[in-house]
Amino acid sequence: MSNINLKKLRDYRHLTVDGDITVHLTQDQQAMILKTYDYGLNSLTDIDEMLLSAVIRRLKVAINPEYELNG
């Protein structure tokens, strides 16, 4: 994918609100966050990437609940 089409962070600000969100993660998802932090994205296996994607999706839905309805 060409970087020319990538949106900037400011393009997403209208989808957020100023404040805290709560996300519930499974024990495996929590462990995946710790592993990714310790070893980086390049160290992840395909299964690790799937777990991390699930965490990111939970975060996205918590930040923008409309995504779950429309995504």
N, C-alpha and C. Protein backbone atom coordinates (compact mmCIF):
# COMPACT_ATOMS: atom_id res chain seq x y z
N MET A 1 0.85 -1.18 0.00
CA MET A 1 0.00 0.00 0.00
C MET A 1 0.89 1.24 0.00
N SER A 2 0.53 2.19 -0.80
CA SER A 2 1.29 3.42 -0.90
C SER A 2 0.98 4.33 0.29
N ASN A 3 2.03 4.92 0.85
CA ASN A 3 1.84 5.84 1.97
C ASN A 3 1.10 7.10 1.56
N ILE A 4 0.99 7.35 0.28
CA ILE A 4 0.33 8.56 -0.21
C ILE A 4 -1.15 8.57 0.16
N ASN A 5 -1.76 7.38 0.33
CA ASN A 5 -3.19 7.28 0.63
C ASN A 5 -3.48 7.17 2.13
N LEU A 6 -2.44 7.10 2.96
CA LEU A 6 -2.66 6.95 4.40
C LEU A 6 -3.21 8.23 5.01
N LYS A 7 -4.19 8.06 5.87
CA LYS A 7 -4.75 9.22 6.58
C LYS A 7 -3.83 9.61 7.72
N LYS A 8 -3.96 10.83 8.13
CA LYS A 8 -3.19 11.34 9.25
C LYS A 8 -4.01 11.20 10.53
N LEU A 9 -3.34 11.29 11.66
CA LEU A 9 -4.00 11.16 12.95
C LEU A 9 -5.16 12.14 13.08
N ARG A 10 -4.98 13.35 12.61
CA ARG A 10 -6.04 14.36 12.74
C ARG A 10 -7.32 13.97 11.99
N ASP A 11 -7.18 13.09 11.00
CA ASP A 11 -8.35 12.63 10.26
C ASP A 11 -9.27 11.73 11.10
N TYR A 12 -8.78 11.25 12.22
CA TYR A 12 -9.55 10.35 13.09
C TYR A 12 -10.05 11.03 14.36
N ARG A 13 -9.58 12.22 14.65
CA ARG A 13 -9.95 12.88 15.91
C ARG A 13 -11.45 13.08 16.07
N HIS A 14 -12.16 13.31 14.98
CA HIS A 14 -13.61 13.53 15.09
C HIS A 14 -14.36 12.26 15.51
N LEU A 15 -13.69 11.12 15.47
CA LEU A 15 -14.31 9.86 15.88
C LEU A 15 -14.11 9.56 17.36
N THR A 16 -13.38 10.42 18.05
CA THR A 16 -13.05 10.19 19.45
C THR A 16 -13.69 11.23 20.35
N VAL A 17 -13.70 10.94 21.63
CA VAL A 17 -14.13 11.90 22.64
C VAL A 17 -13.02 12.04 23.65
N ASP A 18 -12.98 13.17 24.31
CA ASP A 18 -11.97 13.40 25.34
C ASP A 18 -12.43 12.73 26.63
N GLY A 19 -11.74 11.72 27.05
CA GLY A 19 -12.12 11.02 28.27
C GLY A 19 -11.61 9.59 28.25
N ASP A 20 -11.85 8.91 29.34
CA ASP A 20 -11.39 7.53 29.49
C ASP A 20 -12.36 6.55 28.84
N ILE A 21 -11.83 5.39 28.44
CA ILE A 21 -12.66 4.29 27.98
C ILE A 21 -12.26 3.06 28.79
N THR A 22 -13.14 2.10 28.85
CA THR A 22 -12.86 0.84 29.55
C THR A 22 -12.93 -0.29 28.54
N VAL A 23 -11.91 -1.14 28.55
CA VAL A 23 -11.86 -2.28 27.65
C VAL A 23 -11.57 -3.52 28.49
N HIS A 24 -12.34 -4.57 28.29
CA HIS A 24 -12.14 -5.83 28.99
C HIS A 24 -11.38 -6.77 28.07
N LEU A 25 -10.22 -7.25 28.55
CA LEU A 25 -9.37 -8.14 27.76
C LEU A 25 -9.25 -9.49 28.45
N THR A 26 -9.18 -10.54 27.65
CA THR A 26 -8.95 -11.87 28.20
C THR A 26 -7.50 -11.95 28.70
N GLN A 27 -7.21 -13.00 29.44
CA GLN A 27 -5.85 -13.19 29.94
C GLN A 27 -4.87 -13.33 28.77
N ASP A 28 -5.24 -14.06 27.72
CA ASP A 28 -4.37 -14.21 26.55
C ASP A 28 -4.14 -12.87 25.85
N GLN A 29 -5.18 -12.06 25.76
CA GLN A 29 -5.04 -10.75 25.12
C GLN A 29 -4.12 -9.85 25.93
N GLN A 30 -4.24 -9.89 27.24
CA GLN A 30 -3.35 -9.11 28.09
C GLN A 30 -1.90 -9.55 27.91
N ALA A 31 -1.70 -10.87 27.88
CA ALA A 31 -0.35 -11.41 27.70
C ALA A 31 0.22 -11.00 26.35
N MET A 32 -0.63 -10.95 25.33
CA MET A 32 -0.17 -10.55 23.99
C MET A 32 0.31 -9.11 23.99
N ILE A 33 -0.36 -8.24 24.71
CA ILE A 33 0.06 -6.85 24.82
C ILE A 33 1.45 -6.78 25.45
N LEU A 34 1.64 -7.53 26.52
CA LEU A 34 2.95 -7.54 27.21
C LEU A 34 4.04 -8.10 26.30
N LYS A 35 3.76 -9.19 25.60
CA LYS A 35 4.74 -9.79 24.70
C LYS A 35 5.11 -8.82 23.57
N THR A 36 4.09 -8.18 23.01
CA THR A 36 4.34 -7.24 21.91
C THR A 36 5.18 -6.07 22.39
N TYR A 37 4.90 -5.58 23.55
CA TYR A 37 5.69 -4.49 24.11
C TYR A 37 7.14 -4.90 24.32
N ASP A 38 7.32 -6.09 24.87
CA ASP A 38 8.68 -6.57 25.17
C ASP A 38 9.50 -6.89 23.92
N TYR A 39 8.87 -7.49 22.92
CA TYR A 39 9.64 -8.01 21.78
C TYR A 39 9.37 -7.31 20.45
N GLY A 40 8.33 -6.49 20.38
CA GLY A 40 8.04 -5.74 19.17
C GLY A 40 7.14 -6.49 18.19
N LEU A 41 6.60 -5.75 17.26
CA LEU A 41 5.67 -6.30 16.28
C LEU A 41 6.32 -7.33 15.36
N ASN A 42 7.58 -7.14 15.05
CA ASN A 42 8.26 -8.04 14.11
C ASN A 42 8.46 -9.44 14.67
N SER A 43 8.30 -9.62 15.97
CA SER A 43 8.52 -10.93 16.58
C SER A 43 7.26 -11.80 16.62
N LEU A 44 6.13 -11.25 16.20
CA LEU A 44 4.86 -11.95 16.35
C LEU A 44 4.68 -13.05 15.31
N THR A 45 4.11 -14.17 15.75
CA THR A 45 3.72 -15.24 14.84
C THR A 45 2.36 -14.87 14.23
N ASP A 46 1.90 -15.66 13.28
CA ASP A 46 0.59 -15.40 12.69
C ASP A 46 -0.52 -15.46 13.74
N ILE A 47 -0.43 -16.41 14.65
CA ILE A 47 -1.44 -16.53 15.71
C ILE A 47 -1.36 -15.33 16.64
N ASP A 48 -0.13 -14.90 16.96
CA ASP A 48 0.04 -13.70 17.80
C ASP A 48 -0.62 -12.49 17.13
N GLU A 49 -0.42 -12.35 15.82
CA GLU A 49 -1.00 -11.22 15.09
C GLU A 49 -2.53 -11.26 15.15
N MET A 50 -3.10 -12.45 15.08
CA MET A 50 -4.56 -12.57 15.17
C MET A 50 -5.04 -12.14 16.54
N LEU A 51 -4.33 -12.53 17.60
CA LEU A 51 -4.70 -12.12 18.95
C LEU A 51 -4.58 -10.60 19.11
N LEU A 52 -3.50 -10.04 18.60
CA LEU A 52 -3.30 -8.59 18.69
C LEU A 52 -4.37 -7.85 17.91
N SER A 53 -4.75 -8.38 16.76
CA SER A 53 -5.83 -7.76 15.97
C SER A 53 -7.14 -7.76 16.74
N ALA A 54 -7.40 -8.82 17.49
CA ALA A 54 -8.63 -8.88 18.30
C ALA A 54 -8.61 -7.81 19.38
N VAL A 55 -7.44 -7.57 19.97
CA VAL A 55 -7.30 -6.51 20.98
C VAL A 55 -7.56 -5.14 20.33
N ILE A 56 -6.97 -4.93 19.19
CA ILE A 56 -7.13 -3.64 18.50
C ILE A 56 -8.59 -3.43 18.11
N ARG A 57 -9.27 -4.50 17.69
CA ARG A 57 -10.69 -4.36 17.35
C ARG A 57 -11.51 -4.00 18.59
N ARG A 58 -11.21 -4.62 19.72
CA ARG A 58 -11.92 -4.27 20.97
C ARG A 58 -11.70 -2.80 21.31
N LEU A 59 -10.47 -2.34 21.15
CA LEU A 59 -10.17 -0.94 21.41
C LEU A 59 -10.95 -0.04 20.46
N LYS A 60 -10.98 -0.40 19.18
CA LYS A 60 -11.68 0.40 18.19
C LYS A 60 -13.16 0.50 18.51
N VAL A 61 -13.78 -0.61 18.89
CA VAL A 61 -15.21 -0.60 19.22
C VAL A 61 -15.46 0.22 20.49
N ALA A 62 -14.56 0.14 21.46
CA ALA A 62 -14.72 0.92 22.69
C ALA A 62 -14.58 2.41 22.41
N ILE A 63 -13.70 2.76 21.49
CA ILE A 63 -13.49 4.17 21.14
C ILE A 63 -14.63 4.69 20.29
N ASN A 64 -15.07 3.88 19.33
CA ASN A 64 -16.10 4.30 18.39
C ASN A 64 -17.14 3.19 18.26
N PRO A 65 -18.11 3.12 19.17
CA PRO A 65 -19.11 2.04 19.16
C PRO A 65 -19.88 1.90 17.86
N GLU A 66 -19.98 2.96 17.06
CA GLU A 66 -20.68 2.89 15.79
C GLU A 66 -19.99 1.93 14.84
N TYR A 67 -18.68 1.71 15.02
CA TYR A 67 -17.95 0.80 14.15
C TYR A 67 -18.55 -0.60 14.22
N GLU A 68 -18.95 -1.04 15.42
CA GLU A 68 -19.51 -2.38 15.58
C GLU A 68 -20.80 -2.52 14.80
N LEU A 69 -21.57 -1.45 14.71
CA LEU A 69 -22.82 -1.49 13.97
C LEU A 69 -22.58 -1.41 12.46
N ASN A 70 -21.59 -0.62 12.06
CA ASN A 70 -21.35 -0.37 10.64
C ASN A 70 -20.19 -1.14 10.06
N GLY A 71 -19.30 -1.68 10.93
CA GLY A 71 -18.07 -2.30 10.45
C GLY A 71 -18.28 -3.73 10.18
